[in-house]
Amino acid sequence: MTVGTNSSPGAGTTAGPPVSAGPGPAQVPPRADALAGVPPQAPAGARPGVPPDTGARADAESPGRAARARRSVPPRAGSPASAVRTAVGAAGTAGTSPDGDAPGEGLGFGIDPDTLPDGLVVADHTGRVICFNRAAARMTATDPAQALGARIDRALPLEDLEGRRWWALTDPYGGLATRRGQPERNLLLPGGREVLVSASYVRTHPTGPLRRLVVTLRGTEARRRTERSHAELIATVAHELRSPLTSVKGFTATLLAKWERFTDDQKRLMLETVDADANRVTRLIAELLDISRIDSGRLEVRRQPVDIATAVGRHVQALTANGQDPERFLVSVSRPLPDLWADPDKIDQILGNLLENAVRHGEGTVTIGVSPHEKGTAVTVSDEGPGIPEESMGRVFTRFWRGSKRGGTGLGLYIVKGIVEAHGGTITVGRGPGGGAEFRFILPVSAPAYLTQ
């Protein structure tokens, strides 16, 4: 091992403007139902034809003034389907609402349905389409001009996976008045294309008639990618567990059945093999737990002062103790290094993975460089092997990527990236000076929360 050292100097809350209808009593903000295109219901005990209060009488006398007030007052926070209703209210397409207004009249809040990433289809109280956004047109291959004004079961013919018509099964207009919608499920469009569909029922009151039917469409590509990823994970785990467990089972069964026939050296060799395979299983389980924590954002980082140069030297010594040639490693440390607060166990995991990859998949001298960086501390690990093909560099830090067939689960670099990012750092891959792969990660200067507060 060659070690080189370079020395260098080192608010208050502000209320919004009141809604005013001009001289006279203060105007009462309209209900969220009215903002969604559903006319508000008269209060209990009100007589037909008699305004409930002077504010309502002012609205009746000045419809334009009331419309302006409706547009200036946002829906109540937490009101049912407020987000969907806002999007629906922005549907300024052709057609009329059940109340005779243009589809976006009194509802628009500056949101264009065509900017939504998911398909959005809205039908009025008669079942005719009043909104058919661009994403829905793309998913269904339907011209919005033909869909607008058509009955929703014709504009959006859907079947379940057993070939039954979904609108006949759910019956949103004639079914139970207590239903609030349909959960997301896989349905089929004409031609057999699969989409994820959910529906929301907007009613005047909880058991009232349906005034708006809001349908959202999503592609199944993301879900299929997730399912494929899970299937690959299961297949990899099954394969990686089968080999060591078969070895453990075979050796232990042999020792138990024929213990007296083996010499002490043979017994020791078998037990060492069992121990190595058990360590392999333990390491795989630890990797799976790390992946679970990384994917869920629950990876804990317990920061302590870490001497990264000492950690590098410790890992190199461990590799040479296991049979690697000490002259194969070149360690270069540029001092002074900034104080590094990190999780020592996680740092060991990063260095162990990168050095093991360099030794297993690379060739020639493995160079480890530690140097100060404007954002913290930079560590570089490079080798002189064939390197990583240019077209594969974008997939290096994905799950199950393997640069060669020399063993490994393909999870190590994915975990390394997750740990570095959990520390607030970055990691990159490129081609080193010797032609091999070069991994470089940067850990920022940081400290535990109790020291920064």
Protein backbone atom coordinates (compact mmCIF):
# COMPACT_ATOMS: atom_id res chain seq x y z
CA MET A 1 0.00 0.00 0.00
CA THR A 2 1.37 3.38 -0.99
CA VAL A 3 0.22 6.42 0.95
CA GLY A 4 0.76 9.95 -0.34
CA THR A 5 0.00 13.08 1.67
CA ASN A 6 -0.32 16.57 0.22
CA SER A 7 -0.47 19.54 2.61
CA SER A 8 -2.14 22.80 1.69
CA PRO A 9 -3.48 25.76 3.76
CA GLY A 10 -6.40 25.30 4.57
CA ALA A 11 -44.29 36.10 9.58
CA GLY A 12 -47.42 37.37 10.59
CA THR A 13 -50.78 36.39 9.00
CA THR A 14 -52.56 38.91 6.79
CA ALA A 15 -56.24 38.62 6.14
CA GLY A 16 -57.39 38.76 2.52
CA PRO A 17 -59.62 41.57 1.20
CA PRO A 18 -63.25 41.31 2.26
CA VAL A 19 -65.83 40.41 -0.34
CA SER A 20 -68.09 43.33 -0.87
CA ALA A 21 -71.22 43.72 -2.91
CA GLY A 22 -71.22 47.50 -2.59
CA PRO A 23 -73.27 49.48 -0.09
CA GLY A 24 -75.38 47.45 2.24
CA PRO A 25 -74.88 44.47 4.53
CA ALA A 26 -71.72 42.35 4.26
CA GLN A 27 -71.94 39.56 1.72
CA VAL A 28 -71.79 35.95 2.93
CA PRO A 29 -69.20 33.84 1.04
CA PRO A 30 -70.85 31.20 -1.12
CA ARG A 31 -70.69 27.52 -0.21
CA ALA A 32 -68.16 25.20 -1.87
CA ASP A 33 -71.10 23.41 -3.53
CA ALA A 34 -71.92 26.58 -5.43
CA LEU A 35 -68.29 26.92 -6.48
CA ALA A 36 -68.46 23.40 -7.95
CA GLY A 37 -71.42 24.33 -10.11
CA VAL A 38 -74.05 22.94 -7.70
CA PRO A 39 -76.67 25.51 -6.67
CA PRO A 40 -76.77 26.11 -2.90
CA GLN A 41 -79.69 24.72 -0.98
CA ALA A 42 -82.11 26.96 0.93
CA PRO A 43 -81.66 26.85 4.71
CA ALA A 44 -84.02 24.69 6.70
CA GLY A 45 -87.30 26.50 7.42
CA ALA A 46 -87.00 28.96 4.54
CA ARG A 47 -90.23 29.61 2.61
CA PRO A 48 -90.19 29.24 -1.16
CA GLY A 49 -89.74 32.57 -2.89
CA VAL A 50 -88.68 34.40 0.28
CA PRO A 51 -85.00 35.44 0.44
CA PRO A 52 -83.37 34.10 3.61
CA ASP A 53 -81.47 37.34 4.30
CA THR A 54 -80.60 40.72 2.86
CA GLY A 55 -77.31 39.37 1.44
CA ALA A 56 -79.20 36.85 -0.66
CA ARG A 57 -81.65 39.60 -1.71
CA ALA A 58 -78.69 41.70 -2.87
CA ASP A 59 -77.47 38.73 -4.92
CA ALA A 60 -80.85 38.37 -6.52
CA GLU A 61 -80.94 42.08 -7.36
CA SER A 62 -77.42 42.10 -8.82
CA PRO A 63 -76.46 38.73 -10.42
CA GLY A 64 -73.27 40.16 -11.93
CA ARG A 65 -72.10 41.42 -8.55
CA ALA A 66 -72.76 37.99 -6.96
CA ALA A 67 -70.90 36.23 -9.76
CA ARG A 68 -67.87 38.46 -9.17
CA ALA A 69 -68.01 37.64 -5.48
CA ARG A 70 -68.20 33.91 -6.22
CA ARG A 71 -65.10 34.13 -8.39
CA SER A 72 -63.14 36.00 -5.71
CA VAL A 73 -63.89 33.61 -2.83
CA PRO A 74 -61.98 30.29 -2.80
CA PRO A 75 -63.70 27.09 -1.62
CA ARG A 76 -63.52 26.21 2.06
CA ALA A 77 -60.43 24.23 3.03
CA GLY A 78 -61.30 20.59 3.52
CA SER A 79 -64.52 20.78 1.53
CA PRO A 80 -65.40 17.53 -0.26
CA ALA A 81 -63.56 17.04 -3.55
CA SER A 82 -62.33 20.66 -3.45
CA ALA A 83 -59.23 19.89 -5.50
CA VAL A 84 -61.23 18.00 -8.12
CA ARG A 85 -63.90 20.68 -8.22
CA THR A 86 -61.29 23.37 -8.78
CA ALA A 87 -59.96 21.44 -11.76
CA VAL A 88 -63.47 20.81 -13.00
CA GLY A 89 -64.35 24.47 -12.63
CA ALA A 90 -61.51 25.41 -14.94
CA ALA A 91 -62.96 23.35 -17.79
CA GLY A 92 -63.87 26.14 -20.13
CA THR A 93 -64.82 23.80 -22.97
CA ALA A 94 -67.91 23.68 -25.11
CA GLY A 95 -71.26 22.69 -23.67
CA THR A 96 -73.39 23.97 -20.82
CA SER A 97 -73.75 23.07 -17.18
CA PRO A 98 -77.04 21.80 -15.77
CA ASP A 99 -77.70 25.28 -14.43
CA GLY A 100 -77.38 26.94 -17.81
CA ASP A 101 -73.92 28.43 -17.22
CA ALA A 102 -70.87 27.83 -19.32
CA PRO A 103 -68.86 24.96 -17.84
CA GLY A 104 -66.22 27.25 -16.33
CA GLU A 105 -68.53 30.10 -15.30
CA GLY A 106 -68.13 30.95 -11.61
CA LEU A 107 -65.78 28.02 -11.14
CA GLY A 108 -62.46 28.91 -12.76
CA PHE A 109 -59.46 29.42 -10.53
CA GLY A 110 -56.82 29.62 -13.27
CA ILE A 111 -56.25 25.85 -13.60
CA ASP A 112 -56.40 24.47 -17.11
CA PRO A 113 -57.49 20.80 -17.19
CA ASP A 114 -55.19 20.25 -20.18
CA THR A 115 -52.18 20.87 -17.91
CA LEU A 116 -53.12 17.98 -15.59
CA PRO A 117 -50.91 14.88 -15.97
CA ASP A 118 -53.86 12.48 -15.60
CA GLY A 119 -56.93 12.14 -17.76
CA LEU A 120 -59.97 14.09 -16.50
CA VAL A 121 -63.53 13.50 -17.72
CA VAL A 122 -66.50 15.31 -16.15
CA ALA A 123 -70.19 14.70 -16.84
CA ASP A 124 -73.14 16.85 -15.72
CA HIS A 125 -76.34 15.79 -14.00
CA THR A 126 -77.73 14.35 -17.27
CA GLY A 127 -74.67 12.18 -17.88
CA ARG A 128 -73.30 14.27 -20.73
CA VAL A 129 -69.62 15.12 -20.92
CA ILE A 130 -68.70 18.76 -20.17
CA CYS A 131 -64.93 18.29 -19.76
CA PHE A 132 -62.56 15.99 -21.65
CA ASN A 133 -58.96 17.06 -21.18
CA ARG A 134 -55.94 16.47 -23.37
CA ALA A 135 -54.56 13.57 -21.30
CA ALA A 136 -57.89 11.75 -21.50
CA ALA A 137 -57.95 12.27 -25.26
CA ARG A 138 -54.44 10.84 -25.55
CA MET A 139 -55.22 7.77 -23.43
CA THR A 140 -58.50 6.95 -25.13
CA ALA A 141 -57.56 8.06 -28.67
CA THR A 142 -60.79 10.08 -28.74
CA ASP A 143 -61.32 13.51 -30.25
CA PRO A 144 -62.47 15.87 -27.46
CA ALA A 145 -64.84 17.58 -29.89
CA GLN A 146 -66.69 14.30 -30.35
CA ALA A 147 -66.69 13.47 -26.63
CA LEU A 148 -68.07 16.82 -25.42
CA GLY A 149 -71.83 16.70 -25.22
CA ALA A 150 -71.98 12.91 -25.65
CA ARG A 151 -73.21 10.56 -22.96
CA ILE A 152 -70.35 9.44 -20.76
CA ASP A 153 -70.91 5.73 -21.42
CA ARG A 154 -70.47 6.44 -25.15
CA ALA A 155 -67.60 8.91 -24.84
CA LEU A 156 -65.78 6.65 -22.37
CA PRO A 157 -66.80 3.01 -22.94
CA LEU A 158 -65.16 0.99 -20.19
CA GLU A 159 -65.22 -2.72 -19.37
CA ASP A 160 -63.83 -4.64 -16.43
CA LEU A 161 -61.29 -7.42 -16.88
CA GLU A 162 -64.14 -9.94 -17.31
CA GLY A 163 -65.67 -8.03 -20.21
CA ARG A 164 -68.62 -6.51 -18.33
CA ARG A 165 -69.63 -2.93 -19.00
CA TRP A 166 -68.46 -0.82 -16.07
CA TRP A 167 -71.09 1.89 -16.30
CA ALA A 168 -73.88 -0.68 -16.12
CA LEU A 169 -72.24 -2.26 -13.07
CA THR A 170 -71.64 0.96 -11.13
CA ASP A 171 -74.75 2.92 -12.29
CA PRO A 172 -73.61 6.29 -10.88
CA TYR A 173 -76.89 8.10 -11.71
CA GLY A 174 -79.35 5.43 -10.65
CA GLY A 175 -77.46 3.60 -7.91
CA LEU A 176 -77.36 4.18 -4.19
CA ALA A 177 -77.51 7.86 -3.29
CA THR A 178 -75.04 7.31 -0.44
CA ARG A 179 -72.15 6.41 -2.74
CA ARG A 180 -69.39 8.99 -2.99
CA GLY A 181 -67.43 7.41 -5.83
CA GLN A 182 -65.57 4.37 -7.09
CA PRO A 183 -62.05 3.37 -5.97
CA GLU A 184 -59.25 3.08 -8.50
CA ARG A 185 -59.26 -0.15 -10.47
CA ASN A 186 -57.96 -1.62 -13.73
CA LEU A 187 -60.43 -1.30 -16.61
CA LEU A 188 -60.24 -1.85 -20.36
CA LEU A 189 -60.79 0.63 -23.17
CA PRO A 190 -61.97 -0.48 -26.62
CA GLY A 191 -59.14 -2.44 -28.19
CA GLY A 192 -58.09 -3.95 -24.86
CA ARG A 193 -55.88 -1.14 -23.58
CA GLU A 194 -55.69 -1.15 -19.78
CA VAL A 195 -56.12 2.02 -17.72
CA LEU A 196 -56.54 2.87 -14.04
CA VAL A 197 -59.92 4.51 -13.46
CA SER A 198 -61.43 6.16 -10.39
CA ALA A 199 -64.65 8.16 -10.06
CA SER A 200 -65.92 10.81 -7.65
CA TYR A 201 -69.61 11.66 -7.23
CA VAL A 202 -70.39 15.32 -6.50
CA ARG A 203 -73.81 15.72 -4.93
CA THR A 204 -75.87 18.69 -3.74
CA HIS A 205 -76.03 17.08 -0.30
CA PRO A 206 -74.85 13.69 0.98
CA THR A 207 -77.89 11.76 -0.25
CA GLY A 208 -78.95 14.14 -3.00
CA PRO A 209 -78.96 13.55 -6.75
CA LEU A 210 -75.71 13.38 -8.68
CA ARG A 211 -74.76 16.77 -10.13
CA ARG A 212 -71.24 16.05 -11.32
CA LEU A 213 -69.49 12.81 -12.22
CA VAL A 214 -65.71 13.23 -12.13
CA VAL A 215 -63.61 10.44 -13.68
CA THR A 216 -59.82 10.31 -13.60
CA LEU A 217 -57.69 8.11 -15.87
CA ARG A 218 -54.10 7.02 -15.34
CA GLY A 219 -51.81 4.85 -17.41
CA THR A 220 -50.67 1.50 -16.03
CA GLU A 221 -47.03 1.85 -17.12
CA ALA A 222 -45.78 3.10 -13.73
CA ARG A 223 -47.59 0.33 -11.86
CA ARG A 224 -46.25 -2.29 -14.26
CA ARG A 225 -42.71 -1.00 -13.76
CA THR A 226 -43.18 -1.30 -10.00
CA GLU A 227 -44.54 -4.82 -10.36
CA ARG A 228 -41.60 -5.81 -12.58
CA SER A 229 -39.19 -4.34 -10.04
CA HIS A 230 -40.81 -6.35 -7.26
CA ALA A 231 -40.70 -9.50 -9.37
CA GLU A 232 -36.99 -8.94 -10.08
CA LEU A 233 -36.34 -8.38 -6.39
CA ILE A 234 -38.08 -11.62 -5.45
CA ALA A 235 -36.23 -13.58 -8.14
CA THR A 236 -32.87 -12.13 -7.08
CA VAL A 237 -33.48 -12.81 -3.40
CA ALA A 238 -34.60 -16.38 -4.13
CA HIS A 239 -31.49 -17.01 -6.23
CA GLU A 240 -29.09 -15.42 -3.75
CA LEU A 241 -30.58 -17.29 -0.80
CA ARG A 242 -30.79 -20.67 -2.48
CA SER A 243 -27.04 -21.14 -3.07
CA PRO A 244 -25.76 -20.45 0.47
CA LEU A 245 -28.67 -22.22 2.15
CA THR A 246 -28.08 -25.31 -0.02
CA SER A 247 -24.43 -25.28 1.01
CA VAL A 248 -25.29 -24.83 4.71
CA LYS A 249 -27.84 -27.62 4.59
CA GLY A 250 -25.49 -29.98 2.76
CA PHE A 251 -22.49 -29.49 5.04
CA THR A 252 -24.45 -29.62 8.28
CA ALA A 253 -26.31 -32.77 7.21
CA THR A 254 -23.01 -34.41 6.22
CA LEU A 255 -21.33 -33.49 9.50
CA LEU A 256 -24.24 -34.74 11.57
CA ALA A 257 -24.42 -38.06 9.71
CA LYS A 258 -20.68 -38.82 9.42
CA TRP A 259 -18.97 -36.78 12.11
CA GLU A 260 -16.54 -39.53 13.16
CA ARG A 261 -15.32 -40.15 9.61
CA PHE A 262 -13.84 -36.68 9.10
CA THR A 263 -10.55 -35.33 10.37
CA ASP A 264 -10.39 -32.14 12.37
CA ASP A 265 -9.06 -30.22 9.36
CA GLN A 266 -11.98 -31.42 7.21
CA LYS A 267 -14.47 -30.49 9.89
CA ARG A 268 -12.92 -27.03 10.21
CA LEU A 269 -13.06 -26.47 6.45
CA MET A 270 -16.76 -27.43 6.36
CA LEU A 271 -17.62 -25.21 9.31
CA GLU A 272 -15.73 -22.28 7.79
CA THR A 273 -17.74 -22.73 4.59
CA VAL A 274 -20.98 -22.81 6.58
CA ASP A 275 -19.91 -19.65 8.41
CA ALA A 276 -19.07 -17.84 5.13
CA ASP A 277 -22.43 -18.80 3.61
CA ALA A 278 -24.26 -17.69 6.74
CA ASN A 279 -22.47 -14.32 6.49
CA ARG A 280 -23.56 -14.09 2.86
CA VAL A 281 -27.20 -14.59 3.86
CA THR A 282 -26.87 -12.05 6.66
CA ARG A 283 -25.35 -9.50 4.25
CA LEU A 284 -28.18 -10.02 1.75
CA ILE A 285 -30.82 -9.51 4.43
CA ALA A 286 -29.06 -6.34 5.58
CA GLU A 287 -29.05 -5.05 1.98
CA LEU A 288 -32.76 -5.74 1.62
CA LEU A 289 -33.48 -3.87 4.86
CA ASP A 290 -31.37 -0.94 3.64
CA ILE A 291 -33.29 -0.86 0.35
CA SER A 292 -36.57 -0.84 2.24
CA ARG A 293 -35.43 2.08 4.40
CA ILE A 294 -34.06 4.02 1.43
CA ASP A 295 -37.22 3.57 -0.65
CA SER A 296 -39.44 4.61 2.25
CA GLY A 297 -37.22 7.53 3.31
CA ARG A 298 -36.60 5.99 6.75
CA LEU A 299 -32.82 5.55 6.55
CA GLU A 300 -31.42 6.90 9.81
CA VAL A 301 -28.12 8.79 9.82
CA ARG A 302 -26.50 9.12 13.25
CA ARG A 303 -23.83 11.73 12.77
CA GLN A 304 -20.55 11.58 14.65
CA PRO A 305 -17.08 12.97 13.97
CA VAL A 306 -15.50 10.73 11.32
CA ASP A 307 -11.85 10.62 10.19
CA ILE A 308 -12.42 9.58 6.59
CA ALA A 309 -8.69 9.07 5.87
CA THR A 310 -8.37 6.63 8.79
CA ALA A 311 -11.49 4.79 7.61
CA VAL A 312 -9.97 4.37 4.14
CA GLY A 313 -6.75 2.99 5.60
CA ARG A 314 -8.67 0.53 7.75
CA HIS A 315 -10.53 -0.87 4.74
CA VAL A 316 -7.34 -1.22 2.71
CA GLN A 317 -5.69 -3.11 5.57
CA ALA A 318 -8.67 -5.46 5.77
CA LEU A 319 -8.40 -6.23 2.06
CA THR A 320 -4.67 -6.92 2.28
CA ALA A 321 -5.26 -9.16 5.30
CA ASN A 322 -7.65 -11.19 3.14
CA GLY A 323 -4.98 -11.87 0.53
CA GLN A 324 -4.88 -8.80 -1.71
CA ASP A 325 -1.46 -7.48 -2.72
CA PRO A 326 -0.66 -4.35 -0.63
CA GLU A 327 1.06 -2.79 -3.68
CA ARG A 328 -2.24 -2.83 -5.54
CA PHE A 329 -3.60 0.06 -3.45
CA LEU A 330 -2.56 3.70 -3.67
CA VAL A 331 -4.02 6.08 -1.07
CA SER A 332 -3.67 9.83 -1.55
CA VAL A 333 -4.83 12.26 1.16
CA SER A 334 -4.76 16.04 0.69
CA ARG A 335 -4.78 17.88 3.99
CA PRO A 336 -6.14 19.75 5.82
CA LEU A 337 -9.53 18.09 5.57
CA PRO A 338 -12.68 19.77 6.87
CA ASP A 339 -14.42 18.30 9.89
CA LEU A 340 -16.77 15.54 8.76
CA TRP A 341 -19.85 14.61 10.74
CA ALA A 342 -21.38 11.42 9.39
CA ASP A 343 -22.63 7.99 10.38
CA PRO A 344 -19.43 5.90 10.78
CA ASP A 345 -21.18 2.60 10.05
CA LYS A 346 -22.72 4.02 6.86
CA ILE A 347 -19.35 5.45 5.77
CA ASP A 348 -17.80 2.00 6.24
CA GLN A 349 -20.59 0.56 4.12
CA ILE A 350 -19.90 3.05 1.32
CA LEU A 351 -16.15 2.45 1.32
CA GLY A 352 -16.56 -1.31 1.59
CA ASN A 353 -18.87 -1.46 -1.43
CA LEU A 354 -16.74 0.80 -3.63
CA LEU A 355 -13.43 -0.91 -2.78
CA GLU A 356 -14.93 -4.38 -3.18
CA ASN A 357 -16.25 -3.41 -6.62
CA ALA A 358 -12.86 -2.04 -7.64
CA VAL A 359 -11.05 -5.21 -6.51
CA ARG A 360 -13.60 -7.66 -7.93
CA HIS A 361 -14.47 -6.01 -11.25
CA GLY A 362 -11.42 -3.80 -11.90
CA GLU A 363 -7.79 -4.49 -12.68
CA GLY A 364 -4.43 -2.95 -11.91
CA THR A 365 -3.90 -0.35 -9.20
CA VAL A 366 -6.85 0.78 -7.10
CA THR A 367 -6.44 4.48 -6.27
CA ILE A 368 -8.30 6.08 -3.35
CA GLY A 369 -8.14 9.85 -3.13
CA VAL A 370 -9.39 11.98 -0.22
CA SER A 371 -9.38 15.74 -0.62
CA PRO A 372 -11.14 18.87 0.61
CA HIS A 373 -13.96 20.21 -1.55
CA GLU A 374 -15.80 23.51 -1.59
CA LYS A 375 -18.88 21.66 -0.30
CA GLY A 376 -17.12 19.33 2.15
CA THR A 377 -14.96 16.23 1.63
CA ALA A 378 -14.49 14.41 -1.69
CA VAL A 379 -13.51 10.74 -1.95
CA THR A 380 -12.54 9.11 -5.25
CA VAL A 381 -12.11 5.38 -5.92
CA SER A 382 -10.75 4.36 -9.34
CA ASP A 383 -9.13 1.33 -10.96
CA GLU A 384 -7.35 0.44 -14.21
CA GLY A 385 -9.80 -2.15 -15.51
CA PRO A 386 -11.96 -2.04 -18.64
CA GLY A 387 -14.28 0.49 -17.04
CA ILE A 388 -18.03 0.89 -17.49
CA PRO A 389 -19.48 1.25 -20.99
CA GLU A 390 -20.73 4.76 -21.73
CA GLU A 391 -24.25 3.54 -22.44
CA SER A 392 -24.45 1.79 -19.04
CA MET A 393 -23.32 4.67 -16.82
CA GLY A 394 -26.87 5.95 -16.41
CA ARG A 395 -27.93 2.61 -14.91
CA VAL A 396 -25.03 2.02 -12.54
CA PHE A 397 -26.90 3.21 -9.45
CA THR A 398 -30.14 1.34 -10.22
CA ARG A 399 -31.19 -1.86 -8.52
CA PHE A 400 -29.85 -5.16 -9.90
CA TRP A 401 -27.32 -3.55 -12.23
CA ARG A 402 -24.25 -5.73 -12.62
CA GLY A 403 -21.15 -4.71 -14.51
CA SER A 404 -19.96 -8.28 -14.96
CA LYS A 405 -20.80 -11.86 -14.08
CA ARG A 406 -18.34 -12.01 -11.19
CA GLY A 407 -20.94 -12.32 -8.49
CA GLY A 408 -22.84 -9.80 -6.42
CA THR A 409 -26.51 -9.01 -6.03
CA GLY A 410 -26.51 -5.78 -8.03
CA LEU A 411 -27.79 -3.89 -4.98
CA GLY A 412 -24.57 -2.46 -3.55
CA LEU A 413 -24.25 0.70 -5.65
CA TYR A 414 -27.96 1.45 -5.28
CA ILE A 415 -27.48 1.36 -1.50
CA VAL A 416 -24.31 3.45 -1.72
CA LYS A 417 -26.17 6.17 -3.60
CA GLY A 418 -29.02 6.09 -1.07
CA ILE A 419 -26.62 6.43 1.88
CA VAL A 420 -24.66 9.29 0.29
CA GLU A 421 -27.86 11.18 -0.49
CA ALA A 422 -29.15 10.55 3.04
CA HIS A 423 -26.05 12.45 4.21
CA GLY A 424 -26.93 15.29 1.84
CA GLY A 425 -24.10 14.40 -0.55
CA THR A 426 -23.75 13.39 -4.19
CA ILE A 427 -22.07 10.51 -6.03
CA THR A 428 -21.01 10.25 -9.67
CA VAL A 429 -19.38 7.67 -11.92
CA GLY A 430 -17.02 8.23 -14.82
CA ARG A 431 -13.83 7.00 -16.42
CA GLY A 432 -10.64 7.21 -14.36
CA PRO A 433 -7.16 8.30 -15.47
CA GLY A 434 -6.15 4.65 -15.89
CA GLY A 435 -9.14 3.87 -18.12
CA GLY A 436 -11.17 2.05 -15.47
CA ALA A 437 -14.24 3.10 -13.53
CA GLU A 438 -14.02 6.09 -11.19
CA PHE A 439 -16.54 6.69 -8.41
CA ARG A 440 -16.51 10.04 -6.65
CA PHE A 441 -18.72 11.00 -3.73
CA ILE A 442 -18.87 14.29 -1.85
CA LEU A 443 -20.07 14.56 1.73
CA PRO A 444 -21.03 18.05 2.93
CA VAL A 445 -19.75 19.67 6.10
CA SER A 446 -22.49 19.17 8.70
CA ALA A 447 -23.07 18.63 12.37
CA PRO A 448 -25.71 17.07 14.61
CA ALA A 449 -28.86 19.11 15.11
CA TYR A 450 -28.10 19.81 18.78
CA LEU A 451 -24.91 21.64 17.77
CA THR A 452 -26.54 23.80 15.11
CA GLN A 453 -29.57 24.96 17.08
